[in-house]
Amino acid sequence: MVGTVIRGIHLAVCLHRYNPVHGPQNVNVVDVRARQLTVQWETFGYAVTRCHSYNLTVQYQYVFNQQEFAAEELIQTSSHYTLRGLRPFVTVRLRLVLANPEGSKESEEIVKQTEED
């Protein structure tokens, strides 16, 4: 990130002002339990994010007792994340979203079922 001052206003900008090259790749669910799923993906660097400042989130949803639940969580780890607090024996739809200040890219959607209690 480069800081620029324009008439007393400090702006933080990316060096090249581009969207990420692609979304997270090789995204897989590597552990399935009754109330949690662990997701793993290929790590990425500046060449993919195109900015030193970026966020990675997981968006997921499932239906339990005819009620839809949807959420988004910020991921703070580099190549894996565990979704906790899920319901047993539900189908979970999830995707990872890589975003920088200029735009975002999504991974392919993954559909997995949690185990029974």
N, C-alpha and C. Protein backbone atom coordinates (compact mmCIF):
# COMPACT_ATOMS: atom_id res chain seq x y z
N MET A 1 0.85 -1.17 0.00
CA MET A 1 0.00 0.00 0.00
C MET A 1 0.89 1.23 0.00
N VAL A 2 0.42 2.25 -0.66
CA VAL A 2 1.15 3.49 -0.74
C VAL A 2 0.26 4.58 -0.17
N GLY A 3 0.81 5.39 0.70
CA GLY A 3 0.03 6.49 1.25
C GLY A 3 0.24 7.74 0.43
N THR A 4 -0.82 8.43 0.10
CA THR A 4 -0.75 9.64 -0.70
C THR A 4 -1.52 10.74 0.02
N VAL A 5 -0.95 11.93 0.04
CA VAL A 5 -1.65 13.05 0.66
C VAL A 5 -2.13 13.98 -0.45
N ILE A 6 -3.42 14.22 -0.49
CA ILE A 6 -4.01 15.14 -1.46
C ILE A 6 -4.81 16.17 -0.68
N ARG A 7 -4.32 17.41 -0.70
CA ARG A 7 -4.99 18.52 0.01
C ARG A 7 -5.34 18.15 1.45
N GLY A 8 -4.37 17.55 2.15
CA GLY A 8 -4.58 17.26 3.56
C GLY A 8 -5.30 15.96 3.84
N ILE A 9 -5.70 15.22 2.81
CA ILE A 9 -6.40 13.95 3.02
C ILE A 9 -5.43 12.82 2.71
N HIS A 10 -5.27 11.89 3.65
CA HIS A 10 -4.38 10.76 3.46
C HIS A 10 -5.18 9.60 2.84
N LEU A 11 -4.73 9.12 1.70
CA LEU A 11 -5.40 8.02 1.03
C LEU A 11 -4.49 6.80 1.01
N ALA A 12 -5.03 5.64 1.28
CA ALA A 12 -4.28 4.40 1.17
C ALA A 12 -4.74 3.72 -0.12
N VAL A 13 -3.81 3.49 -1.02
CA VAL A 13 -4.19 2.89 -2.31
C VAL A 13 -3.30 1.70 -2.62
N CYS A 14 -3.78 0.83 -3.48
CA CYS A 14 -2.98 -0.29 -3.96
C CYS A 14 -2.03 0.23 -5.02
N LEU A 15 -0.93 -0.45 -5.18
CA LEU A 15 0.04 -0.03 -6.17
C LEU A 15 -0.50 -0.11 -7.59
N HIS A 16 -1.31 -1.12 -7.89
CA HIS A 16 -1.75 -1.31 -9.27
C HIS A 16 -3.26 -1.25 -9.47
N ARG A 17 -4.04 -1.05 -8.45
CA ARG A 17 -5.48 -0.86 -8.54
C ARG A 17 -6.18 -1.87 -9.46
N TYR A 18 -6.00 -3.15 -9.17
CA TYR A 18 -6.63 -4.21 -9.94
C TYR A 18 -7.44 -5.11 -9.02
N ASN A 19 -8.46 -5.73 -9.59
CA ASN A 19 -9.18 -6.79 -8.89
C ASN A 19 -8.22 -7.94 -8.65
N PRO A 20 -8.52 -8.82 -7.69
CA PRO A 20 -7.71 -10.03 -7.57
C PRO A 20 -7.71 -10.79 -8.91
N VAL A 21 -6.63 -11.52 -9.19
CA VAL A 21 -6.51 -12.25 -10.45
C VAL A 21 -7.58 -13.33 -10.56
N HIS A 22 -7.78 -14.08 -9.48
CA HIS A 22 -8.79 -15.14 -9.44
C HIS A 22 -9.19 -15.37 -8.00
N GLY A 23 -10.25 -16.12 -7.83
CA GLY A 23 -10.70 -16.45 -6.48
C GLY A 23 -9.82 -17.54 -5.89
N PRO A 24 -10.06 -17.88 -4.63
CA PRO A 24 -9.31 -18.97 -4.00
C PRO A 24 -9.44 -20.25 -4.83
N GLN A 25 -8.32 -20.99 -4.95
CA GLN A 25 -8.30 -22.19 -5.77
C GLN A 25 -8.00 -23.42 -4.93
N ASN A 26 -8.34 -24.57 -5.51
CA ASN A 26 -8.15 -25.87 -4.85
C ASN A 26 -8.79 -25.86 -3.46
N VAL A 27 -10.01 -25.37 -3.39
CA VAL A 27 -10.76 -25.31 -2.13
C VAL A 27 -11.39 -26.68 -1.89
N ASN A 28 -11.11 -27.25 -0.74
CA ASN A 28 -11.64 -28.57 -0.39
C ASN A 28 -12.05 -28.60 1.06
N VAL A 29 -13.07 -29.40 1.35
CA VAL A 29 -13.43 -29.68 2.73
C VAL A 29 -12.59 -30.89 3.14
N VAL A 30 -11.75 -30.72 4.16
CA VAL A 30 -10.81 -31.77 4.54
C VAL A 30 -11.22 -32.51 5.81
N ASP A 31 -12.22 -31.99 6.53
CA ASP A 31 -12.70 -32.67 7.73
C ASP A 31 -14.18 -32.34 7.91
N VAL A 32 -14.98 -33.37 8.08
CA VAL A 32 -16.42 -33.20 8.27
C VAL A 32 -16.81 -33.85 9.59
N ARG A 33 -17.48 -33.09 10.42
CA ARG A 33 -18.00 -33.61 11.69
C ARG A 33 -19.45 -33.20 11.81
N ALA A 34 -20.08 -33.56 12.91
CA ALA A 34 -21.51 -33.28 13.10
C ALA A 34 -21.79 -31.78 13.17
N ARG A 35 -20.90 -31.01 13.76
CA ARG A 35 -21.16 -29.59 13.98
C ARG A 35 -20.08 -28.66 13.42
N GLN A 36 -19.21 -29.21 12.57
CA GLN A 36 -18.17 -28.37 11.99
C GLN A 36 -17.63 -28.96 10.69
N LEU A 37 -17.11 -28.06 9.86
CA LEU A 37 -16.43 -28.42 8.61
C LEU A 37 -15.11 -27.66 8.58
N THR A 38 -14.04 -28.31 8.12
CA THR A 38 -12.77 -27.64 7.94
C THR A 38 -12.49 -27.52 6.45
N VAL A 39 -12.20 -26.30 6.02
CA VAL A 39 -11.95 -25.99 4.62
C VAL A 39 -10.47 -25.67 4.45
N GLN A 40 -9.90 -26.13 3.34
CA GLN A 40 -8.49 -25.86 3.03
C GLN A 40 -8.41 -25.35 1.60
N TRP A 41 -7.44 -24.47 1.32
CA TRP A 41 -7.29 -23.91 -0.02
C TRP A 41 -5.82 -23.64 -0.29
N GLU A 42 -5.53 -23.37 -1.55
CA GLU A 42 -4.17 -23.03 -1.97
C GLU A 42 -3.84 -21.61 -1.51
N THR A 43 -2.69 -21.44 -0.88
CA THR A 43 -2.31 -20.10 -0.44
C THR A 43 -2.03 -19.22 -1.65
N PHE A 44 -2.13 -17.92 -1.46
CA PHE A 44 -1.89 -16.99 -2.56
C PHE A 44 -1.07 -15.82 -2.05
N GLY A 45 -0.39 -15.17 -2.96
CA GLY A 45 0.46 -14.03 -2.61
C GLY A 45 0.04 -12.80 -3.37
N TYR A 46 0.92 -11.84 -3.40
CA TYR A 46 0.64 -10.56 -4.03
C TYR A 46 0.26 -10.71 -5.50
N ALA A 47 0.85 -11.68 -6.20
CA ALA A 47 0.55 -11.88 -7.62
C ALA A 47 -0.92 -12.21 -7.85
N VAL A 48 -1.58 -12.81 -6.87
CA VAL A 48 -3.01 -13.15 -6.98
C VAL A 48 -3.87 -12.04 -6.40
N THR A 49 -3.52 -11.56 -5.20
CA THR A 49 -4.36 -10.57 -4.53
C THR A 49 -4.24 -9.19 -5.17
N ARG A 50 -3.09 -8.90 -5.78
CA ARG A 50 -2.79 -7.63 -6.43
C ARG A 50 -2.83 -6.44 -5.48
N CYS A 51 -2.74 -6.71 -4.21
CA CYS A 51 -2.77 -5.64 -3.22
C CYS A 51 -2.26 -6.22 -1.90
N HIS A 52 -1.56 -5.43 -1.10
CA HIS A 52 -1.09 -5.91 0.19
C HIS A 52 -2.24 -5.97 1.20
N SER A 53 -3.30 -5.26 0.93
CA SER A 53 -4.46 -5.23 1.82
C SER A 53 -5.60 -6.01 1.17
N TYR A 54 -5.98 -7.13 1.78
CA TYR A 54 -7.09 -7.92 1.24
C TYR A 54 -7.78 -8.67 2.37
N ASN A 55 -8.99 -9.12 2.10
CA ASN A 55 -9.76 -9.92 3.04
C ASN A 55 -10.13 -11.23 2.39
N LEU A 56 -10.21 -12.27 3.20
CA LEU A 56 -10.72 -13.55 2.75
C LEU A 56 -11.87 -13.91 3.68
N THR A 57 -13.02 -14.18 3.10
CA THR A 57 -14.19 -14.54 3.90
C THR A 57 -14.76 -15.85 3.40
N VAL A 58 -15.49 -16.52 4.27
CA VAL A 58 -16.25 -17.70 3.87
C VAL A 58 -17.72 -17.34 4.00
N GLN A 59 -18.47 -17.59 2.94
CA GLN A 59 -19.93 -17.39 2.95
C GLN A 59 -20.55 -18.78 2.94
N TYR A 60 -21.51 -19.01 3.82
CA TYR A 60 -22.12 -20.33 3.87
C TYR A 60 -23.60 -20.24 4.25
N GLN A 61 -24.30 -21.29 3.90
CA GLN A 61 -25.73 -21.35 4.22
C GLN A 61 -26.17 -22.80 4.34
N TYR A 62 -27.22 -22.99 5.12
CA TYR A 62 -27.85 -24.30 5.23
C TYR A 62 -29.28 -24.12 5.71
N VAL A 63 -30.08 -25.15 5.57
CA VAL A 63 -31.47 -25.12 6.02
C VAL A 63 -31.63 -26.12 7.16
N PHE A 64 -32.24 -25.67 8.25
CA PHE A 64 -32.48 -26.52 9.41
C PHE A 64 -33.89 -26.27 9.91
N ASN A 65 -34.68 -27.31 10.04
CA ASN A 65 -36.10 -27.18 10.47
C ASN A 65 -36.85 -26.18 9.61
N GLN A 66 -36.68 -26.26 8.31
CA GLN A 66 -37.33 -25.41 7.33
C GLN A 66 -36.99 -23.93 7.48
N GLN A 67 -35.89 -23.63 8.16
CA GLN A 67 -35.44 -22.26 8.32
C GLN A 67 -34.04 -22.13 7.73
N GLU A 68 -33.87 -21.14 6.83
CA GLU A 68 -32.57 -20.96 6.20
C GLU A 68 -31.65 -20.13 7.08
N PHE A 69 -30.41 -20.58 7.19
CA PHE A 69 -29.39 -19.87 7.95
C PHE A 69 -28.27 -19.51 6.98
N ALA A 70 -27.85 -18.26 6.96
CA ALA A 70 -26.77 -17.81 6.09
C ALA A 70 -25.85 -16.89 6.89
N ALA A 71 -24.54 -17.02 6.64
CA ALA A 71 -23.57 -16.21 7.38
C ALA A 71 -22.31 -16.01 6.55
N GLU A 72 -21.52 -15.06 6.99
CA GLU A 72 -20.22 -14.77 6.40
C GLU A 72 -19.24 -14.56 7.55
N GLU A 73 -18.07 -15.19 7.45
CA GLU A 73 -17.06 -15.06 8.49
C GLU A 73 -15.74 -14.64 7.88
N LEU A 74 -15.04 -13.73 8.53
CA LEU A 74 -13.72 -13.30 8.10
C LEU A 74 -12.70 -14.36 8.49
N ILE A 75 -11.86 -14.74 7.54
CA ILE A 75 -10.84 -15.76 7.78
C ILE A 75 -9.52 -15.07 8.08
N GLN A 76 -8.89 -15.46 9.17
CA GLN A 76 -7.63 -14.82 9.57
C GLN A 76 -6.44 -15.77 9.44
N THR A 77 -6.65 -16.96 8.90
CA THR A 77 -5.56 -17.92 8.73
C THR A 77 -5.16 -17.97 7.26
N SER A 78 -4.04 -18.61 6.97
CA SER A 78 -3.49 -18.56 5.63
C SER A 78 -4.01 -19.62 4.66
N SER A 79 -4.35 -20.81 5.14
CA SER A 79 -4.73 -21.85 4.18
C SER A 79 -5.79 -22.82 4.67
N HIS A 80 -6.38 -22.58 5.83
CA HIS A 80 -7.45 -23.46 6.31
C HIS A 80 -8.33 -22.70 7.31
N TYR A 81 -9.55 -23.19 7.46
CA TYR A 81 -10.49 -22.55 8.38
C TYR A 81 -11.54 -23.57 8.79
N THR A 82 -11.96 -23.54 10.04
CA THR A 82 -12.99 -24.45 10.53
C THR A 82 -14.25 -23.67 10.85
N LEU A 83 -15.34 -24.05 10.17
CA LEU A 83 -16.66 -23.49 10.47
C LEU A 83 -17.21 -24.27 11.65
N ARG A 84 -17.55 -23.59 12.71
CA ARG A 84 -18.05 -24.25 13.93
C ARG A 84 -19.49 -23.82 14.18
N GLY A 85 -20.17 -24.58 15.02
CA GLY A 85 -21.53 -24.22 15.42
C GLY A 85 -22.57 -24.59 14.38
N LEU A 86 -22.23 -25.51 13.48
CA LEU A 86 -23.21 -25.96 12.48
C LEU A 86 -24.17 -26.95 13.10
N ARG A 87 -25.21 -27.29 12.41
CA ARG A 87 -26.17 -28.29 12.85
C ARG A 87 -25.79 -29.66 12.30
N PRO A 88 -26.06 -30.71 13.04
CA PRO A 88 -25.77 -32.05 12.53
C PRO A 88 -26.68 -32.42 11.36
N PHE A 89 -26.13 -33.17 10.42
CA PHE A 89 -26.85 -33.77 9.31
C PHE A 89 -27.61 -32.74 8.48
N VAL A 90 -26.93 -31.63 8.14
CA VAL A 90 -27.49 -30.64 7.23
C VAL A 90 -26.55 -30.48 6.03
N THR A 91 -27.08 -30.06 4.92
CA THR A 91 -26.29 -29.78 3.73
C THR A 91 -25.84 -28.33 3.77
N VAL A 92 -24.53 -28.11 3.75
CA VAL A 92 -23.94 -26.78 3.84
C VAL A 92 -23.39 -26.39 2.47
N ARG A 93 -23.75 -25.22 2.01
CA ARG A 93 -23.23 -24.66 0.76
C ARG A 93 -22.27 -23.54 1.15
N LEU A 94 -21.04 -23.58 0.63
CA LEU A 94 -20.07 -22.55 1.02
C LEU A 94 -19.19 -22.17 -0.15
N ARG A 95 -18.63 -20.97 -0.03
CA ARG A 95 -17.62 -20.48 -0.99
C ARG A 95 -16.73 -19.49 -0.26
N LEU A 96 -15.50 -19.37 -0.75
CA LEU A 96 -14.56 -18.39 -0.23
C LEU A 96 -14.56 -17.18 -1.15
N VAL A 97 -14.40 -15.99 -0.57
CA VAL A 97 -14.38 -14.76 -1.34
C VAL A 97 -13.11 -13.99 -0.98
N LEU A 98 -12.28 -13.75 -1.99
CA LEU A 98 -11.07 -12.96 -1.86
C LEU A 98 -11.37 -11.55 -2.34
N ALA A 99 -11.13 -10.54 -1.50
CA ALA A 99 -11.46 -9.16 -1.87
C ALA A 99 -10.31 -8.23 -1.51
N ASN A 100 -10.05 -7.28 -2.41
CA ASN A 100 -9.14 -6.18 -2.11
C ASN A 100 -9.95 -4.89 -2.30
N PRO A 101 -9.37 -3.72 -2.08
CA PRO A 101 -10.17 -2.48 -2.19
C PRO A 101 -10.76 -2.25 -3.58
N GLU A 102 -10.29 -2.94 -4.60
CA GLU A 102 -10.76 -2.72 -5.97
C GLU A 102 -11.82 -3.71 -6.44
N GLY A 103 -12.00 -4.83 -5.75
CA GLY A 103 -12.98 -5.81 -6.20
C GLY A 103 -12.83 -7.13 -5.49
N SER A 104 -13.54 -8.14 -5.98
CA SER A 104 -13.50 -9.45 -5.33
C SER A 104 -13.64 -10.57 -6.36
N LYS A 105 -13.20 -11.76 -5.95
CA LYS A 105 -13.34 -12.98 -6.75
C LYS A 105 -13.73 -14.10 -5.81
N GLU A 106 -14.60 -14.98 -6.30
CA GLU A 106 -15.11 -16.09 -5.49
C GLU A 106 -14.53 -17.42 -5.94
N SER A 107 -14.48 -18.36 -5.01
CA SER A 107 -14.13 -19.73 -5.35
C SER A 107 -15.39 -20.41 -5.90
N GLU A 108 -15.22 -21.61 -6.39
CA GLU A 108 -16.37 -22.42 -6.76
C GLU A 108 -17.15 -22.76 -5.49
N GLU A 109 -18.45 -22.97 -5.63
CA GLU A 109 -19.25 -23.36 -4.48
C GLU A 109 -19.01 -24.83 -4.13
N ILE A 110 -18.94 -25.11 -2.85
CA ILE A 110 -18.79 -26.48 -2.35
C ILE A 110 -20.03 -26.83 -1.56
N VAL A 111 -20.52 -28.04 -1.76
CA VAL A 111 -21.70 -28.53 -1.04
C VAL A 111 -21.29 -29.79 -0.28
N LYS A 112 -21.46 -29.76 1.04
CA LYS A 112 -21.12 -30.90 1.90
C LYS A 112 -22.20 -31.08 2.95
N GLN A 113 -22.33 -32.31 3.42
CA GLN A 113 -23.30 -32.59 4.48
C GLN A 113 -22.54 -32.89 5.77
N THR A 114 -22.98 -32.25 6.85
CA THR A 114 -22.37 -32.55 8.15
C THR A 114 -22.81 -33.93 8.57
N GLU A 115 -22.05 -34.54 9.50
CA GLU A 115 -22.37 -35.88 9.97
C GLU A 115 -23.51 -35.83 10.99
N GLU A 116 -24.02 -37.01 11.31
CA GLU A 116 -25.03 -37.11 12.36
C GLU A 116 -24.34 -37.04 13.70
N ASP A 117 -25.08 -36.62 14.74
CA ASP A 117 -24.53 -36.59 16.11
C ASP A 117 -24.27 -37.99 16.58
